[in-house]
C-alpha atoms as a PDB file:
ATOM      1  CA  GLN A   1      95.565  66.077 102.993  1.00  0.00           C
ATOM      2  CA  VAL A   2      93.959  68.016 106.092  1.00  0.00           C
ATOM      3  CA  GLN A   3      95.869  71.157 106.779  1.00  0.00           C
ATOM      4  CA  LEU A   4      94.899  74.179 109.078  1.00  0.00           C
ATOM      5  CA  VAL A   5      97.045  76.869 108.902  1.00  0.00           C
ATOM      6  CA  GLU A   6      97.078  79.535 111.577  1.00  0.00           C
ATOM      7  CA  SER A   7      98.001  83.270 111.306  1.00  0.00           C
ATOM      8  CA  GLY A   8      97.364  86.661 113.209  1.00  0.00           C
ATOM      9  CA  GLY A   9      99.035  86.282 116.338  1.00  0.00           C
ATOM     10  CA  GLY A  10     101.711  88.615 117.749  1.00  0.00           C
ATOM     11  CA  LEU A  11     102.635  91.116 120.265  1.00  0.00           C
ATOM     12  CA  VAL A  12      99.840  93.681 121.313  1.00  0.00           C
ATOM     13  CA  GLN A  13      99.634  96.233 124.010  1.00  0.00           C
ATOM     14  CA  PRO A  14      96.431  96.186 126.616  1.00  0.00           C
ATOM     15  CA  GLY A  15      93.508  97.370 124.977  1.00  0.00           C
ATOM     16  CA  GLY A  16      94.637  96.512 121.275  1.00  0.00           C
ATOM     17  CA  SER A  17      93.108  94.142 118.976  1.00  0.00           C
ATOM     18  CA  LEU A  18      94.172  91.299 116.891  1.00  0.00           C
ATOM     19  CA  ARG A  19      92.355  88.775 114.421  1.00  0.00           C
ATOM     20  CA  LEU A  20      93.338  85.414 114.008  1.00  0.00           C
ATOM     21  CA  SER A  21      92.773  83.351 110.706  1.00  0.00           C
ATOM     22  CA  CYS A  22      92.779  79.685 110.450  1.00  0.00           C
ATOM     23  CA  ALA A  23      92.845  78.450 106.734  1.00  0.00           C
ATOM     24  CA  ALA A  24      91.526  75.035 106.232  1.00  0.00           C
ATOM     25  CA  SER A  25      92.221  72.773 103.120  1.00  0.00           C
ATOM     26  CA  GLY A  26      91.601  69.112 102.580  1.00  0.00           C
ATOM     27  CA  PHE A  27      88.008  69.263 103.725  1.00  0.00           C
ATOM     28  CA  THR A  28      84.839  71.124 103.437  1.00  0.00           C
ATOM     29  CA  SER A  29      85.269  73.126 106.713  1.00  0.00           C
ATOM     30  CA  SER A  30      81.799  74.797 106.357  1.00  0.00           C
ATOM     31  CA  MET A  31      80.369  71.223 107.274  1.00  0.00           C
ATOM     32  CA  TYR A  32      82.490  71.261 110.616  1.00  0.00           C
ATOM     33  CA  ALA A  33      81.819  73.209 113.721  1.00  0.00           C
ATOM     34  CA  MET A  34      84.608  75.325 114.529  1.00  0.00           C
ATOM     35  CA  SER A  35      86.177  76.405 117.791  1.00  0.00           C
ATOM     36  CA  TRP A  36      88.919  78.269 118.998  1.00  0.00           C
ATOM     37  CA  TYR A  37      90.681  77.151 122.195  1.00  0.00           C
ATOM     38  CA  ARG A  38      93.945  78.548 123.926  1.00  0.00           C
ATOM     39  CA  ARG A  39      96.486  77.598 126.610  1.00  0.00           C
ATOM     40  CA  ALA A  40      98.061  79.874 128.697  1.00  0.00           C
ATOM     41  CA  PRO A  41     101.412  79.048 130.497  1.00  0.00           C
ATOM     42  CA  GLY A  42     100.835  76.932 133.555  1.00  0.00           C
ATOM     43  CA  LYS A  43      96.970  76.360 132.554  1.00  0.00           C
ATOM     44  CA  GLU A  44      94.727  74.003 131.160  1.00  0.00           C
ATOM     45  CA  ARG A  45      93.540  74.646 127.391  1.00  0.00           C
ATOM     46  CA  GLU A  46      90.280  76.676 127.490  1.00  0.00           C
ATOM     47  CA  LEU A  47      87.410  76.695 124.975  1.00  0.00           C
ATOM     48  CA  VAL A  48      87.379  80.577 123.907  1.00  0.00           C
ATOM     49  CA  ALA A  49      84.600  80.540 121.204  1.00  0.00           C
ATOM     50  CA  ALA A  50      82.546  78.100 119.060  1.00  0.00           C
ATOM     51  CA  ILE A  51      80.494  78.381 115.973  1.00  0.00           C
ATOM     52  CA  ASP A  52      78.120  75.721 114.409  1.00  0.00           C
ATOM     53  CA  SER A  53      78.669  74.343 110.996  1.00  0.00           C
ATOM     54  CA  ILE A  54      76.645  75.450 107.998  1.00  0.00           C
ATOM     55  CA  ASP A  55      74.031  72.664 108.249  1.00  0.00           C
ATOM     56  CA  SER A  56      73.052  73.192 111.904  1.00  0.00           C
ATOM     57  CA  ALA A  57      69.960  74.807 112.681  1.00  0.00           C
ATOM     58  CA  GLY A  58      71.338  78.437 112.731  1.00  0.00           C
ATOM     59  CA  ALA A  59      75.113  79.532 113.076  1.00  0.00           C
ATOM     60  CA  MET A  60      75.157  79.363 116.719  1.00  0.00           C
ATOM     61  CA  THR A  61      77.908  81.026 118.714  1.00  0.00           C
ATOM     62  CA  ASN A  62      79.145  80.485 122.034  1.00  0.00           C
ATOM     63  CA  TYR A  63      81.924  82.139 124.076  1.00  0.00           C
ATOM     64  CA  ALA A  64      83.932  81.869 127.414  1.00  0.00           C
ATOM     65  CA  ASP A  65      82.481  84.194 129.797  1.00  0.00           C
ATOM     66  CA  SER A  66      85.886  85.865 130.070  1.00  0.00           C
ATOM     67  CA  VAL A  67      85.977  86.935 126.432  1.00  0.00           C
ATOM     68  CA  LYS A  68      82.136  87.909 125.941  1.00  0.00           C
ATOM     69  CA  GLY A  69      81.681  91.128 124.307  1.00  0.00           C
ATOM     70  CA  ARG A  70      85.294  91.412 123.444  1.00  0.00           C
ATOM     71  CA  PHE A  71      85.890  88.538 120.914  1.00  0.00           C
ATOM     72  CA  THR A  72      83.970  87.451 117.837  1.00  0.00           C
ATOM     73  CA  ILE A  73      83.923  84.246 115.914  1.00  0.00           C
ATOM     74  CA  SER A  74      83.259  84.009 112.488  1.00  0.00           C
ATOM     75  CA  ARG A  75      83.951  81.819 109.352  1.00  0.00           C
ATOM     76  CA  ASP A  76      83.824  82.660 105.557  1.00  0.00           C
ATOM     77  CA  ASN A  77      82.924  79.426 104.145  1.00  0.00           C
ATOM     78  CA  ALA A  78      83.812  80.459 100.610  1.00  0.00           C
ATOM     79  CA  LYS A  79      87.161  80.887 101.534  1.00  0.00           C
ATOM     80  CA  ASN A  80      87.267  77.736 103.937  1.00  0.00           C
ATOM     81  CA  THR A  81      88.489  79.828 106.527  1.00  0.00           C
ATOM     82  CA  GLY A  82      87.841  80.734 110.132  1.00  0.00           C
ATOM     83  CA  TYR A  83      88.368  83.834 112.381  1.00  0.00           C
ATOM     84  CA  LEU A  84      88.848  85.042 115.850  1.00  0.00           C
ATOM     85  CA  GLN A  85      88.532  89.009 116.136  1.00  0.00           C
ATOM     86  CA  MET A  86      89.995  89.863 119.647  1.00  0.00           C
ATOM     87  CA  ASN A  87      89.193  93.294 120.768  1.00  0.00           C
ATOM     88  CA  SER A  88      90.024  95.100 124.138  1.00  0.00           C
ATOM     89  CA  LEU A  89      92.756  92.528 124.968  1.00  0.00           C
ATOM     90  CA  LYS A  90      94.189  91.889 128.297  1.00  0.00           C
ATOM     91  CA  THR A  91      97.189  90.778 129.535  1.00  0.00           C
ATOM     92  CA  GLU A  92      95.314  87.520 130.696  1.00  0.00           C
ATOM     93  CA  ASP A  93      94.595  86.885 127.190  1.00  0.00           C
ATOM     94  CA  THR A  94      98.386  85.805 126.684  1.00  0.00           C
ATOM     95  CA  ALA A  95      98.242  82.093 125.459  1.00  0.00           C
ATOM     96  CA  VAL A  96      98.724  80.047 122.499  1.00  0.00           C
ATOM     97  CA  TYR A  97      95.634  79.808 120.472  1.00  0.00           C
ATOM     98  CA  TYR A  98      94.557  77.017 118.322  1.00  0.00           C
ATOM     99  CA  CYS A  99      91.759  76.563 115.652  1.00  0.00           C
ATOM    100  CA  ASN A 100      89.692  73.405 115.514  1.00  0.00           C
ATOM    101  CA  PHE A 101      87.172  71.833 113.203  1.00  0.00           C
ATOM    102  CA  ARG A 102      85.066  68.965 114.392  1.00  0.00           C
ATOM    103  CA  ARG A 103      82.484  66.608 112.961  1.00  0.00           C
ATOM    104  CA  SER A 104      81.345  63.237 114.007  1.00  0.00           C
ATOM    105  CA  ASP A 105      84.730  61.497 114.659  1.00  0.00           C
ATOM    106  CA  ARG A 106      86.830  63.944 112.687  1.00  0.00           C
ATOM    107  CA  ASN A 107      88.716  66.541 114.767  1.00  0.00           C
ATOM    108  CA  TYR A 108      91.365  68.529 113.205  1.00  0.00           C
ATOM    109  CA  TRP A 109      93.397  71.133 115.107  1.00  0.00           C
ATOM    110  CA  GLY A 110      95.865  74.004 113.838  1.00  0.00           C
ATOM    111  CA  GLN A 111      99.390  74.396 114.850  1.00  0.00           C
ATOM    112  CA  GLY A 112      98.898  77.273 117.404  1.00  0.00           C
ATOM    113  CA  THR A 113      99.564  80.997 117.019  1.00  0.00           C
ATOM    114  CA  GLN A 114     101.078  82.815 120.148  1.00  0.00           C
ATOM    115  CA  VAL A 115      99.185  85.922 121.195  1.00  0.00           C
ATOM    116  CA  THR A 116     100.832  88.031 123.879  1.00  0.00           C
ATOM    117  CA  VAL A 117      99.225  91.208 125.333  1.00  0.00           C
ATOM    118  CA  SER A 118     101.970  93.265 127.233  1.00  0.00           C
ATOM    119  CA  SER A 119     102.907  96.918 127.890  1.00  0.00           C
END
């Protein structure tokens, strides 16, 4: 069955770094577009970063303006795993982060991992 297991969240001081991982099983994740979303307390879910599937014309990436230059989305298709490298973290990056794989009418979500940026 389809399963997404997220890891890498935690508590970090402002200016620090974390790398989130999203291990997929039960489907070929490389054929799916992958995204990371986050939901901060009292706020709507926000798209953080996205990357195309392997069969797209170039693995294009997109980022929310608030994370450009600080976050990097990537994927290791051999490992069926997606990543979100987060550098120069700010207190406003505190949220639950979710990975998402989507193709056509198939849409899979991870369970979420808490990222807390605080001194």
